Protein backbone atom coordinates (compact mmCIF):
# COMPACT_ATOMS: atom_id res chain seq x y z
CA MET A 1 1.84 -1.82 30.67
CA GLU A 2 -0.42 -3.14 27.92
CA THR A 3 -2.58 -0.03 28.09
CA ALA A 4 0.42 2.26 27.54
CA GLY A 5 -0.52 2.54 23.86
CA LEU A 6 -3.82 4.17 24.81
CA TRP A 7 -2.04 6.64 27.08
CA MET A 8 0.20 7.45 24.13
CA LEU A 9 -2.91 8.43 22.14
CA VAL A 10 -4.12 10.61 25.02
CA ALA A 11 -0.71 12.29 25.23
CA VAL A 12 -0.75 12.96 21.47
CA ALA A 13 -4.22 14.52 21.61
CA VAL A 14 -3.33 16.75 24.57
CA LEU A 15 -0.04 17.91 23.06
CA MET A 16 -1.54 18.60 19.63
CA VAL A 17 -4.33 20.70 21.10
CA GLY A 18 -2.16 22.37 23.71
CA THR A 19 1.01 23.12 21.73
CA GLY A 20 -0.08 23.44 18.11
CA LEU A 21 3.02 21.52 16.99
CA PRO A 22 2.85 19.52 13.74
CA ALA A 23 1.39 16.08 14.21
CA TRP A 24 4.53 14.25 13.09
CA ILE A 25 6.67 15.99 15.70
CA VAL A 26 4.19 15.14 18.45
CA LEU A 27 3.91 11.52 17.31
CA ALA A 28 7.68 11.03 17.09
CA GLY A 29 8.31 12.74 20.42
CA VAL A 30 5.64 10.76 22.28
CA SER A 31 6.83 7.51 20.69
CA LEU A 32 10.45 8.01 21.70
CA ALA A 33 9.54 9.25 25.18
CA PHE A 34 7.32 6.24 25.93
CA ALA A 35 9.84 3.86 24.37
CA ALA A 36 12.65 5.27 26.52
CA GLY A 37 10.41 5.07 29.58
CA GLY A 38 9.50 1.49 28.77
CA VAL A 39 13.15 0.49 28.37
CA ALA A 40 14.07 2.23 31.63
CA ALA A 41 11.23 0.44 33.45
CA GLY A 42 12.23 -2.91 31.99
CA SER A 43 8.96 -3.32 30.06
CA LEU A 44 10.58 -3.02 26.63
CA ASP A 45 13.76 -4.39 25.14
CA ALA A 46 16.29 -1.83 23.91
CA SER A 47 16.47 -3.75 20.61
CA LEU A 48 13.19 -2.03 19.75
CA PHE A 49 15.18 1.02 18.61
CA ALA A 50 17.23 -1.14 16.25
CA ALA A 51 14.03 -2.41 14.61
CA ILE A 52 12.88 1.07 13.61
CA PRO A 53 15.09 1.56 10.50
CA ALA A 54 14.14 -1.80 8.97
CA ARG A 55 10.48 -1.04 9.63
CA LEU A 56 10.72 2.31 7.88
CA VAL A 57 12.60 0.91 4.87
CA GLY A 58 9.93 -1.76 4.43
CA LEU A 59 7.23 0.90 4.67
CA LEU A 60 8.75 3.27 2.11
CA GLU A 61 9.28 0.49 -0.45
CA ASN A 62 5.51 0.41 -0.98
CA ASP A 63 4.90 1.39 -4.62
CA LEU A 64 1.50 2.85 -3.72
CA LEU A 65 3.18 5.78 -1.99
CA GLN A 66 4.40 7.08 -5.37
CA ALA A 67 0.83 8.18 -6.07
CA LEU A 68 0.76 10.48 -3.05
CA PRO A 69 2.90 13.40 -4.33
CA LEU A 70 1.47 12.99 -7.84
CA TYR A 71 -2.10 13.38 -6.57
CA VAL A 72 -1.07 16.45 -4.60
CA LEU A 73 0.65 17.88 -7.69
CA MET A 74 -2.55 17.51 -9.71
CA GLY A 75 -4.51 19.33 -7.05
CA MET A 76 -1.98 22.15 -6.80
CA LEU A 77 -1.85 22.61 -10.59
CA ILE A 78 -5.61 23.05 -10.62
CA ASN A 79 -5.77 25.25 -7.51
CA ARG A 80 -2.81 27.53 -8.26
CA THR A 81 -3.65 28.19 -11.92
CA PRO A 82 -6.79 29.82 -13.37
CA LEU A 83 -8.15 26.33 -14.07
CA ALA A 84 -10.00 26.10 -10.72
CA ASP A 85 -11.75 29.41 -11.43
CA THR A 86 -12.55 28.31 -14.99
CA LEU A 87 -14.03 25.02 -13.77
CA PHE A 88 -16.15 26.83 -11.18
CA ARG A 89 -17.47 29.35 -13.69
CA ALA A 90 -18.24 26.59 -16.20
CA ALA A 91 -20.16 24.59 -13.59
CA ARG A 92 -21.99 27.74 -12.54
CA ALA A 93 -22.98 28.52 -16.12
CA ALA A 94 -24.22 24.96 -16.65
CA LEU A 95 -26.30 25.10 -13.44
CA GLU A 96 -27.67 28.60 -14.09
CA PRO A 97 -31.23 27.36 -14.77
CA THR A 98 -31.49 26.06 -11.19
CA ARG A 99 -31.10 29.63 -9.86
CA ARG A 100 -28.91 28.17 -7.13
CA ALA A 101 -25.85 27.80 -9.29
CA VAL A 102 -23.18 29.05 -6.86
CA PRO A 103 -23.56 26.48 -4.04
CA LEU A 104 -24.23 23.65 -6.47
CA ALA A 105 -21.16 24.58 -8.53
CA GLY A 106 -19.18 24.67 -5.29
CA ILE A 107 -20.23 21.12 -4.41
CA ALA A 108 -19.41 19.97 -7.94
CA LEU A 109 -15.95 21.55 -7.76
CA ALA A 110 -15.33 20.07 -4.30
CA ALA A 111 -16.36 16.59 -5.43
CA LEU A 112 -14.04 16.87 -8.43
CA LEU A 113 -11.01 18.23 -6.58
CA ALA A 114 -11.44 16.64 -3.14
CA PRO A 115 -9.73 13.35 -4.10
CA MET A 116 -6.57 15.33 -4.95
CA SER A 117 -6.54 17.95 -2.20
CA GLY A 118 -4.36 15.96 0.19
CA SER A 119 -6.34 16.29 3.41
CA VAL A 120 -9.38 17.91 4.99
CA GLY A 121 -7.23 20.90 5.95
CA ALA A 122 -5.98 21.31 2.38
CA SER A 123 -9.55 21.08 1.06
CA VAL A 124 -10.67 23.77 3.51
CA ALA A 125 -7.85 26.05 2.31
CA MET A 126 -8.81 25.55 -1.35
CA LEU A 127 -12.55 26.03 -0.81
CA SER A 128 -12.06 29.04 1.47
CA ARG A 129 -10.19 30.72 -1.38
CA THR A 130 -12.33 29.51 -4.30
CA LEU A 131 -15.86 29.00 -3.01
CA GLN A 132 -16.43 31.09 0.10
CA PRO A 133 -16.11 34.58 -1.49
CA ARG A 134 -18.48 33.59 -4.30
CA LEU A 135 -21.08 32.28 -1.87
CA ALA A 136 -20.89 35.54 0.07
CA ALA A 137 -21.27 37.57 -3.14
CA ALA A 138 -24.35 35.51 -4.05
CA GLY A 139 -26.02 36.46 -0.76
CA MET A 140 -25.48 33.24 1.16
CA PRO A 141 -25.63 33.89 4.95
CA ALA A 142 -22.24 33.57 6.64
CA GLU A 143 -23.18 30.53 8.73
CA ARG A 144 -24.56 28.61 5.74
CA ASN A 145 -21.57 29.63 3.67
CA LEU A 146 -19.21 28.27 6.32
CA ALA A 147 -21.30 25.11 6.77
CA LEU A 148 -21.10 24.34 3.05
CA VAL A 149 -17.31 24.81 3.07
CA CYS A 150 -17.03 22.48 6.08
CA VAL A 151 -19.05 19.71 4.46
CA ALA A 152 -17.52 20.09 1.00
CA SER A 153 -14.03 19.82 2.51
CA THR A 154 -14.84 16.32 3.80
CA LEU A 155 -15.99 14.90 0.46
CA GLY A 156 -12.48 13.56 -0.18
CA VAL A 157 -13.00 11.18 2.75
CA VAL A 158 -15.70 9.21 0.92
CA VAL A 159 -15.40 10.02 -2.80
CA PRO A 160 -13.12 7.43 -4.45
CA PRO A 161 -10.34 7.21 -5.44
CA SER A 162 -9.10 9.89 -3.05
CA LEU A 163 -5.80 9.82 -1.22
CA VAL A 164 -7.75 9.06 1.95
CA LEU A 165 -9.33 5.96 0.43
CA ILE A 166 -6.05 4.80 -1.15
CA LEU A 167 -4.23 4.95 2.17
CA LEU A 168 -7.17 3.60 4.16
CA GLY A 169 -7.44 0.69 1.74
CA ASP A 170 -3.78 -0.12 2.34
CA ALA A 171 -4.20 0.20 6.13
CA MET A 172 -7.31 -1.99 6.10
CA MET A 173 -5.51 -4.61 4.00
CA ARG A 174 -2.76 -4.80 6.61
CA ALA A 175 -5.32 -4.95 9.42
CA HIS A 176 -7.26 -7.67 7.61
CA THR A 177 -4.03 -9.60 7.13
CA GLU A 178 -3.47 -9.59 10.89
CA ALA A 179 -7.07 -10.61 11.52
CA SER A 180 -6.71 -13.50 9.05
CA HIS A 181 -4.40 -15.30 11.49
CA GLY A 182 -7.42 -16.10 13.68
CA PRO A 183 -8.94 -19.58 13.64
CA THR A 184 -12.33 -18.41 12.31
CA PHE A 185 -11.06 -16.46 9.30
CA ALA A 186 -12.45 -17.42 5.90
CA GLY A 187 -12.38 -15.82 2.48
CA ARG A 188 -9.77 -13.50 1.04
CA ILE A 189 -7.89 -10.42 2.12
CA LEU A 190 -9.37 -7.00 1.45
CA ASN A 191 -7.59 -4.78 -1.08
CA THR A 192 -7.78 -1.13 -2.10
CA GLN A 193 -10.19 -1.78 -4.97
CA ASP A 194 -12.63 -3.38 -2.54
CA VAL A 195 -12.68 -0.15 -0.52
CA PHE A 196 -13.14 1.98 -3.67
CA HIS A 197 -16.06 -0.09 -4.87
CA ALA A 198 -17.73 -0.37 -1.48
CA ALA A 199 -17.57 3.42 -0.98
CA LEU A 200 -19.20 4.30 -4.32
CA VAL A 201 -22.86 3.82 -3.37
CA PRO A 202 -22.70 5.59 0.03
CA ALA A 203 -20.69 8.43 -1.51
CA ALA A 204 -23.25 8.83 -4.32
CA ILE A 205 -26.15 8.88 -1.85
CA PHE A 206 -24.43 11.46 0.33
CA LEU A 207 -23.59 13.67 -2.66
CA VAL A 208 -27.23 13.64 -3.76
CA LEU A 209 -28.33 14.60 -0.24
CA CYS A 210 -25.74 17.40 -0.13
CA VAL A 211 -27.00 18.79 -3.42
CA ALA A 212 -30.58 18.73 -2.15
CA ILE A 213 -29.67 20.43 1.15
CA ALA A 214 -27.50 23.08 -0.54
CA ALA A 215 -30.30 23.87 -2.99
CA TRP A 216 -32.79 24.12 -0.13
CA GLN A 217 -30.58 26.40 1.99
CA ALA A 218 -29.33 28.67 -0.79
CA PRO A 219 -31.10 31.94 -1.62
CA VAL A 220 -32.73 32.07 -5.03
CA GLU A 221 -30.49 33.89 -7.47
CA PRO A 222 -32.10 36.59 -9.64
CA ARG A 223 -32.31 35.89 -13.35
CA ASP A 224 -31.19 39.30 -14.53
CA VAL A 225 -27.73 39.32 -12.92
CA LYS A 226 -25.03 39.94 -15.50
CA ARG A 227 -21.90 37.83 -15.20
CA ARG A 228 -18.79 37.55 -17.30
CA ALA A 229 -19.56 34.89 -19.87
CA LEU A 230 -17.23 32.04 -20.60
CA THR A 231 -15.20 32.42 -23.73
CA ARG A 232 -15.16 29.56 -26.19
CA GLY A 233 -11.60 28.70 -25.19
CA GLU A 234 -12.52 28.65 -21.49
CA ALA A 235 -15.52 26.41 -22.17
CA ILE A 236 -13.38 23.95 -24.14
CA THR A 237 -10.68 24.02 -21.44
CA ALA A 238 -13.19 23.36 -18.66
CA THR A 239 -14.85 20.54 -20.58
CA VAL A 240 -11.60 18.80 -21.46
CA ALA A 241 -10.13 19.23 -17.97
CA MET A 242 -13.27 17.95 -16.29
CA ALA A 243 -13.49 14.98 -18.63
CA LEU A 244 -9.80 14.18 -18.07
CA VAL A 245 -9.99 14.28 -14.28
CA ILE A 246 -13.25 12.30 -14.18
CA ALA A 247 -11.89 9.69 -16.61
CA LEU A 248 -8.68 9.21 -14.63
CA LEU A 249 -10.41 9.05 -11.27
CA ALA A 250 -13.07 6.70 -12.61
CA GLY A 251 -10.39 4.50 -14.17
CA VAL A 252 -8.69 4.11 -10.80
CA ALA A 253 -11.94 3.60 -8.89
CA LEU A 254 -13.14 0.94 -11.31
CA GLY A 255 -9.82 -0.85 -11.43
CA TYR A 256 -8.80 -0.07 -15.03
CA LEU A 257 -5.83 2.09 -14.00
CA TYR A 258 -3.32 2.02 -11.20
CA ALA A 259 -3.38 5.08 -8.96
CA VAL A 260 0.25 5.90 -9.79
CA GLU A 261 -0.37 5.70 -13.56
CA ALA A 262 -3.47 7.89 -13.41
CA ALA A 263 -1.85 10.49 -11.17
CA ALA A 264 1.29 10.67 -13.34
CA THR A 265 -0.79 11.03 -16.51
CA GLY A 266 -3.01 13.71 -15.00
CA GLY A 267 -0.10 15.65 -13.55
CA LEU A 268 1.79 15.60 -16.86
CA LEU A 269 -1.20 16.73 -18.94
CA LEU A 270 -2.12 19.48 -16.49
CA ALA A 271 1.48 20.71 -16.43
CA ILE A 272 1.62 20.75 -20.25
CA HIS A 273 -1.62 22.74 -20.37
CA ALA A 274 -0.39 25.22 -17.76
CA LEU A 275 2.89 25.73 -19.61
CA ALA A 276 1.14 26.09 -22.97
CA THR A 277 -1.24 28.72 -21.59
CA ARG A 278 1.58 30.46 -19.68
CA ALA A 279 -0.26 29.94 -16.41
CA LEU A 280 2.96 28.89 -14.67
CA ARG A 281 4.76 32.15 -15.23
CA GLY A 282 6.33 34.15 -12.42
CA GLY A 283 5.98 32.71 -8.97
CA VAL A 284 3.13 30.34 -9.82
CA LEU A 285 5.40 27.42 -10.69
CA ARG A 286 7.40 28.03 -7.53
CA ALA A 287 4.18 28.10 -5.48
CA VAL A 288 2.90 24.89 -7.09
CA LEU A 289 6.14 23.02 -6.41
CA GLN A 290 6.46 24.47 -2.92
CA ASP A 291 2.90 23.51 -1.95
CA THR A 292 3.36 20.04 -3.41
CA LEU A 293 6.59 19.51 -1.48
CA VAL A 294 5.13 20.91 1.74
CA ILE A 295 2.00 18.75 1.66
CA SER A 296 3.77 15.62 0.42
CA GLY A 297 6.61 16.09 2.90
CA ALA A 298 4.15 16.55 5.74
CA LEU A 299 2.31 13.37 4.76
CA PHE A 300 5.51 11.31 4.48
CA ALA A 301 6.78 12.70 7.78
CA LEU A 302 3.45 11.85 9.34
CA LEU A 303 3.59 8.33 7.89
CA VAL A 304 7.12 7.74 9.22
CA ALA A 305 6.28 9.10 12.69
CA ALA A 306 3.05 7.09 12.81
CA THR A 307 4.95 3.92 11.88
CA VAL A 308 7.29 4.43 14.83
CA PHE A 309 4.29 5.24 17.02
CA THR A 310 2.43 2.04 16.16
CA LEU A 311 5.64 -0.01 16.54
CA VAL A 312 6.00 1.22 20.14
CA GLN A 313 2.32 0.53 20.81
CA ARG A 314 2.73 -3.03 19.58
CA ALA A 315 5.87 -3.46 21.67
CA PHE A 316 3.83 -2.58 24.74
CA GLY A 317 1.25 -5.18 23.67
CA THR A 318 -1.61 -2.70 23.29
CA ASP A 319 -2.78 -4.41 20.09
CA ARG A 320 -3.08 -7.75 21.89
CA TRP A 321 -4.86 -6.10 24.81
CA LEU A 322 -7.36 -4.49 22.43
CA ALA A 323 -7.90 -7.81 20.64
CA ALA A 324 -8.72 -9.43 23.98
CA GLU A 325 -11.12 -6.60 24.86
CA PHE A 326 -12.93 -6.89 21.53
CA ALA A 327 -13.02 -10.67 21.88
CA ALA A 328 -14.66 -10.24 25.30
CA ALA A 329 -17.44 -8.08 23.81
CA ALA A 330 -20.86 -9.69 24.11
CA SER A 331 -21.43 -9.76 20.34
CA PRO A 332 -19.91 -8.58 17.05
CA ALA A 333 -22.36 -5.67 17.13
CA ALA A 334 -21.00 -4.59 20.52
CA ALA A 335 -17.43 -4.87 19.24
CA LEU A 336 -18.36 -2.78 16.18
CA ALA A 337 -19.93 -0.11 18.40
CA MET A 338 -16.80 -0.01 20.56
CA GLY A 339 -14.50 0.33 17.57
CA LEU A 340 -16.52 2.99 15.75
CA GLY A 341 -17.03 4.94 18.97
CA ALA A 342 -13.29 5.03 19.61
CA LEU A 343 -12.62 6.19 16.05
CA ALA A 344 -15.27 8.91 16.32
CA LEU A 345 -13.72 10.31 19.50
CA CYS A 346 -10.20 10.34 18.04
CA ALA A 347 -11.42 12.02 14.84
CA LEU A 348 -12.47 15.08 16.83
CA VAL A 349 -8.80 16.08 17.18
CA LEU A 350 -7.02 14.16 14.40
CA ASP A 351 -7.13 14.65 10.63
CA ALA A 352 -8.01 11.81 8.26
CA PHE A 353 -4.40 10.84 7.56
CA GLU A 354 -3.50 10.89 11.24
CA MET A 355 -6.45 8.59 11.89
CA ILE A 356 -5.38 6.21 9.12
CA PHE A 357 -1.73 6.11 10.12
CA VAL A 358 -2.15 6.05 13.91
CA VAL A 359 -5.57 4.85 15.10
CA VAL A 360 -6.79 2.50 12.36
CA PRO A 361 -3.74 0.17 12.58
CA LEU A 362 -4.40 -0.19 16.31
CA VAL A 363 -8.18 -0.64 16.29
CA ALA A 364 -8.96 -2.27 12.93
CA PRO A 365 -7.20 -5.66 13.39
CA ALA A 366 -9.02 -6.37 16.65
CA LEU A 367 -12.30 -5.17 15.16
CA LEU A 368 -11.98 -7.27 12.00
CA ALA A 369 -11.28 -10.34 14.12
CA ARG A 370 -14.84 -10.02 15.43
CA VAL A 371 -16.52 -8.45 12.37
CA PRO A 372 -14.99 -10.17 9.32
CA ASP A 373 -16.87 -8.15 6.65
CA ALA A 374 -13.88 -5.92 5.89
CA PRO A 375 -15.39 -3.77 3.06
CA TRP A 376 -18.42 -3.01 5.23
CA VAL A 377 -16.22 -2.08 8.20
CA ALA A 378 -14.02 0.12 5.96
CA VAL A 379 -17.03 2.08 4.71
CA LEU A 380 -18.39 2.48 8.23
CA VAL A 381 -14.99 3.83 9.30
CA LEU A 382 -15.08 6.37 6.46
CA LEU A 383 -18.59 7.53 7.31
CA VAL A 384 -17.80 7.84 11.02
CA LEU A 385 -14.68 9.87 10.26
CA GLN A 386 -16.55 12.18 7.91
CA ALA A 387 -19.34 12.79 10.43
CA SER A 388 -16.85 13.50 13.23
CA PHE A 389 -15.09 16.12 11.13
CA VAL A 390 -18.21 18.33 10.85
CA ILE A 391 -19.73 18.04 14.34
CA PRO A 392 -19.41 21.49 15.97
CA PRO A 393 -17.61 22.88 17.81
CA PHE A 394 -14.73 20.37 17.87
CA GLY A 395 -14.98 18.77 14.42
CA TYR A 396 -11.66 19.05 12.58
CA ALA A 397 -13.19 20.58 9.42
CA VAL A 398 -15.24 22.99 11.55
CA MET A 399 -12.19 24.27 13.41
CA MET A 400 -10.13 24.61 10.21
CA ALA A 401 -12.92 26.44 8.36
CA ARG A 402 -13.65 28.80 11.25
CA SER A 403 -9.97 29.70 11.50
CA ARG A 404 -10.02 30.77 7.83
CA SER A 405 -13.41 32.48 7.82
CA PRO A 406 -13.23 36.21 7.00
CA GLU A 407 -15.94 36.95 9.56
CA PRO A 408 -16.72 35.28 12.90
CA VAL A 409 -19.65 32.85 13.01
CA GLY A 410 -21.26 31.83 16.31
CA THR A 411 -21.29 28.18 17.31
CA ARG A 412 -25.09 28.03 17.58
CA ALA A 413 -25.62 29.61 14.18
CA LEU A 414 -23.09 27.28 12.58
CA ALA A 415 -24.64 24.27 14.31
CA ARG A 416 -28.08 25.20 12.92
CA ALA A 417 -26.62 25.47 9.42
CA LEU A 418 -24.73 22.19 9.74
CA TRP A 419 -27.43 20.00 11.25
CA PRO A 420 -29.09 19.01 7.92
CA PHE A 421 -25.72 17.83 6.58
CA VAL A 422 -24.89 15.97 9.79
CA ALA A 423 -28.35 14.38 9.71
CA ALA A 424 -27.72 13.30 6.10
CA GLN A 425 -24.37 11.76 7.08
CA LEU A 426 -25.94 9.90 9.98
CA ALA A 427 -28.76 8.72 7.71
CA VAL A 428 -26.25 7.27 5.23
CA LEU A 429 -24.35 5.69 8.12
CA GLY A 430 -27.55 4.15 9.44
CA LEU A 431 -28.47 2.91 5.98
CA VAL A 432 -25.11 1.18 5.55
CA LEU A 433 -25.34 -0.27 9.06
CA ALA A 434 -28.82 -1.66 8.46
CA PHE A 435 -28.35 -2.82 4.87
CA PRO A 436 -24.76 -3.96 4.15
CA ALA A 437 -26.02 -5.47 0.90
CA ILE A 438 -26.27 -2.00 -0.71
CA LEU A 439 -22.48 -1.88 -1.02
CA TRP A 440 -20.95 -2.76 -4.36
CA ARG A 441 -19.01 -5.98 -3.89
CA ASP A 442 -16.40 -7.38 -6.26
CA SER A 443 -17.37 -10.31 -8.40
CA THR A 444 -15.77 -13.73 -8.02
CA GLU A 445 -13.72 -13.14 -11.14
CA ALA A 446 -12.35 -9.87 -9.79
CA ALA A 447 -11.68 -11.46 -6.44
CA ALA A 448 -9.48 -14.10 -8.03
CA ALA A 449 -7.04 -11.41 -9.13
CA THR A 450 -6.59 -9.94 -5.66
CA THR A 451 -4.24 -10.73 -2.85
CA SER A 452 -4.57 -14.27 -1.53
CA VAL A 453 -4.46 -15.24 2.11
CA GLY A 454 -1.11 -16.93 1.54
CA ASP A 455 0.34 -13.82 -0.07
CA ALA A 456 -0.97 -11.69 2.77
CA ASP A 457 0.60 -14.02 5.32
CA ALA A 458 3.93 -13.68 3.52
CA LEU A 459 3.55 -9.90 3.54
CA GLN A 460 2.84 -9.86 7.26
CA ARG A 461 5.84 -12.11 8.00
CA MET A 462 8.03 -9.74 5.97
CA LEU A 463 6.75 -6.70 7.90
CA ASP A 464 7.27 -8.39 11.27
CA GLN A 465 10.72 -9.81 10.41
CA PRO A 466 13.36 -8.42 12.81
CA PRO A 467 16.33 -6.59 11.31
CA GLN A 468 19.38 -8.61 10.45
């Protein structure tokens, strides 16, 4: 029965594709069904159900989760008010001399807003509304337009300090804590800042490549086109808003601010601006709050369901079975290939958060037991996820973008438009694989302030403690 956890993943993938139900419903249903089956077969103890509430309470006491709805609120305040349009027009005006201002402004807007969008699906929705019509008006072919939306929607996977990186950093810290119990472990436990710092260089390289590809693919814009000029007030607003968001995100990524503090500050200032400019009149405020609650609620529901899911998997012993399989691999390189390959396959049907909550906690501990360079493994996981999201026809971002496209685009045409971006992603992945030293590592002084092995052991004992 040790492989039951893998069959649970298969069942989740089939049901999500076949039924279209929300991921949290599928995860909870599959978890409870397999748990009941395991109890009936005598493979699991019925006390497993009593352990679920204590597990969830321990999970939701994590202070880091406070940043989640605040990040989403920031993104919604920008998307649902004229600020997103103002930022786009300001970036377009600044990039006008390139004569490819529309796609480059779109990438700039995506890189700025992606950390706050909430998920790949949310980024696709925002870019389909903000960027896609402008690309079409500028003469961009439909397949290249859709390809740029697909790629831009995945920037939040690698650009720190996005929600994806915050939650992946927490998941990798827990996985590294489990791996630290092995006899060969040395060093300290990974933390979220390690993941932020390690992702900076690969993210910067990929952004540069995206800019180059977008400029190469985009049609040259005529110089004599008349566009509505920015007013002085709009220019000041765009400059201040961009500086604020960049400063807050950079402060979190560099370790000067906590994610919760930065998100609360940004949300408050954006709300004050929207109220002062009367941008929240009518149904806009209701839409902002509704979208924030819907996305945040979906993420919390997904987190709760995934916690139950992984608890059942561990009860079956799937984590121990995977650890034994990785330990039997011929070399750490073989174990790394196995782990990344499994993540890539799962990412074809699961969003980034579903991967972080469901698959990473199962695969990462066994992988880190064989490959102890946790920041390197975390970055490789990010790059593999991002590449899987844009591989047609099954990539998650591809399917989401095609479902929102105003005109149908053939798979072959879209694949031709996407291949330069996929090649760039694979090139960055290969570069990180071949040269781990290019990653930004924390200094010894910074490392001293992070979680110690003893603290991590205490955390793991607390998480595994049975309910009283």
